[in-house]
Protein backbone atom coordinates (compact mmCIF):
# COMPACT_ATOMS: atom_id res chain seq x y z
CA MET A 1 56.96 80.41 -27.38
CA ALA A 2 56.30 80.73 -31.13
CA ARG A 3 52.83 79.21 -30.67
CA ARG A 4 51.99 81.82 -28.03
CA VAL A 5 53.14 84.65 -30.32
CA VAL A 6 51.11 83.34 -33.28
CA ILE A 7 47.99 82.91 -31.14
CA GLY A 8 48.52 86.41 -29.73
CA LEU A 9 48.89 87.97 -33.16
CA VAL A 10 45.92 86.17 -34.72
CA GLY A 11 43.64 86.78 -31.74
CA THR A 12 44.64 90.44 -31.44
CA THR A 13 44.16 91.03 -35.16
CA ILE A 14 40.68 89.53 -35.10
CA MET A 15 39.79 91.53 -31.98
CA LEU A 16 41.03 94.79 -33.52
CA ILE A 17 39.00 94.15 -36.67
CA GLY A 18 35.98 93.45 -34.47
CA ILE A 19 36.51 96.68 -32.53
CA ALA A 20 36.77 98.61 -35.81
CA LEU A 21 33.51 97.01 -36.92
CA ILE A 22 31.72 98.57 -33.96
CA VAL A 23 31.69 101.83 -35.92
CA LEU A 24 31.98 100.33 -39.40
CA PRO A 25 29.34 98.07 -40.93
CA GLY A 26 30.07 94.49 -40.06
CA PRO A 27 29.66 91.69 -37.51
CA ALA A 28 31.58 93.12 -34.55
CA PHE A 29 29.48 91.06 -32.13
CA LEU A 30 30.90 87.91 -33.72
CA LEU A 31 34.54 88.88 -34.21
CA ILE A 32 35.23 90.27 -30.74
CA PRO A 33 34.23 87.04 -28.93
CA LEU A 34 36.06 85.01 -31.60
CA GLY A 35 39.24 87.01 -30.98
CA LEU A 36 38.85 86.55 -27.23
CA ALA A 37 38.33 82.81 -27.69
CA ILE A 38 41.51 82.54 -29.75
CA LEU A 39 43.46 84.59 -27.23
CA GLY A 40 41.92 82.51 -24.43
CA ILE A 41 43.80 79.48 -25.70
CA GLU A 42 46.97 80.96 -24.18
CA PHE A 43 45.98 83.90 -21.97
CA ALA A 44 43.93 83.72 -18.74
CA TRP A 45 42.87 87.38 -18.98
CA ALA A 46 41.21 86.66 -22.35
CA ARG A 47 39.32 83.68 -20.91
CA HIS A 48 38.06 85.97 -18.14
CA TRP A 49 36.84 88.62 -20.61
CA LEU A 50 35.24 85.97 -22.81
CA ARG A 51 33.23 84.78 -19.80
CA VAL A 52 32.21 88.40 -19.12
CA VAL A 53 31.12 88.91 -22.74
CA LYS A 54 29.14 85.64 -22.74
CA ARG A 55 27.41 86.58 -19.49
CA ARG A 56 26.59 90.04 -20.84
CA ALA A 57 25.20 88.59 -24.08
CA LYS A 58 23.02 86.20 -22.09
CA ASP A 59 21.69 89.10 -19.98
CA ILE A 60 20.93 91.17 -23.10
CA LYS A 61 19.14 88.23 -24.71
CA GLN A 62 17.05 87.71 -21.57
CA SER A 63 16.17 91.42 -21.44
CA ALA A 64 15.12 91.38 -25.10
CA GLU A 65 12.92 88.34 -24.49
CA ASN A 66 11.31 90.06 -21.48
CA ILE A 67 10.61 93.20 -23.52
CA LYS A 68 9.17 91.12 -26.36
CA ARG A 69 6.95 89.23 -23.94
CA LYS A 70 5.72 92.45 -22.26
CA THR A 71 5.12 94.16 -25.61
CA GLY A 72 3.18 91.15 -26.84
CA ASN A 73 1.00 91.28 -23.70
CA LEU A 74 0.28 94.99 -24.22
CA MET A 75 -0.78 94.41 -27.82
CA GLY A 76 -3.29 91.78 -26.75
CA LYS A 77 -1.46 88.71 -27.91
């Protein structure tokens, strides 16, 4: 039980710092998934949201690559 509480506190703290860094300067995009990964050690809902975040990041990366490729084609590269 103590392990679950410690993991919950550490993961929640890191997530809250990450959420604050959305509006403050800092690496929110690193801390939020890190917090979810820590929470995912003990909580199924956190593992679910970590999978969602990973999937979303992959989609965003793919979209950025597509835009880069299209922009490069328009510029004659």
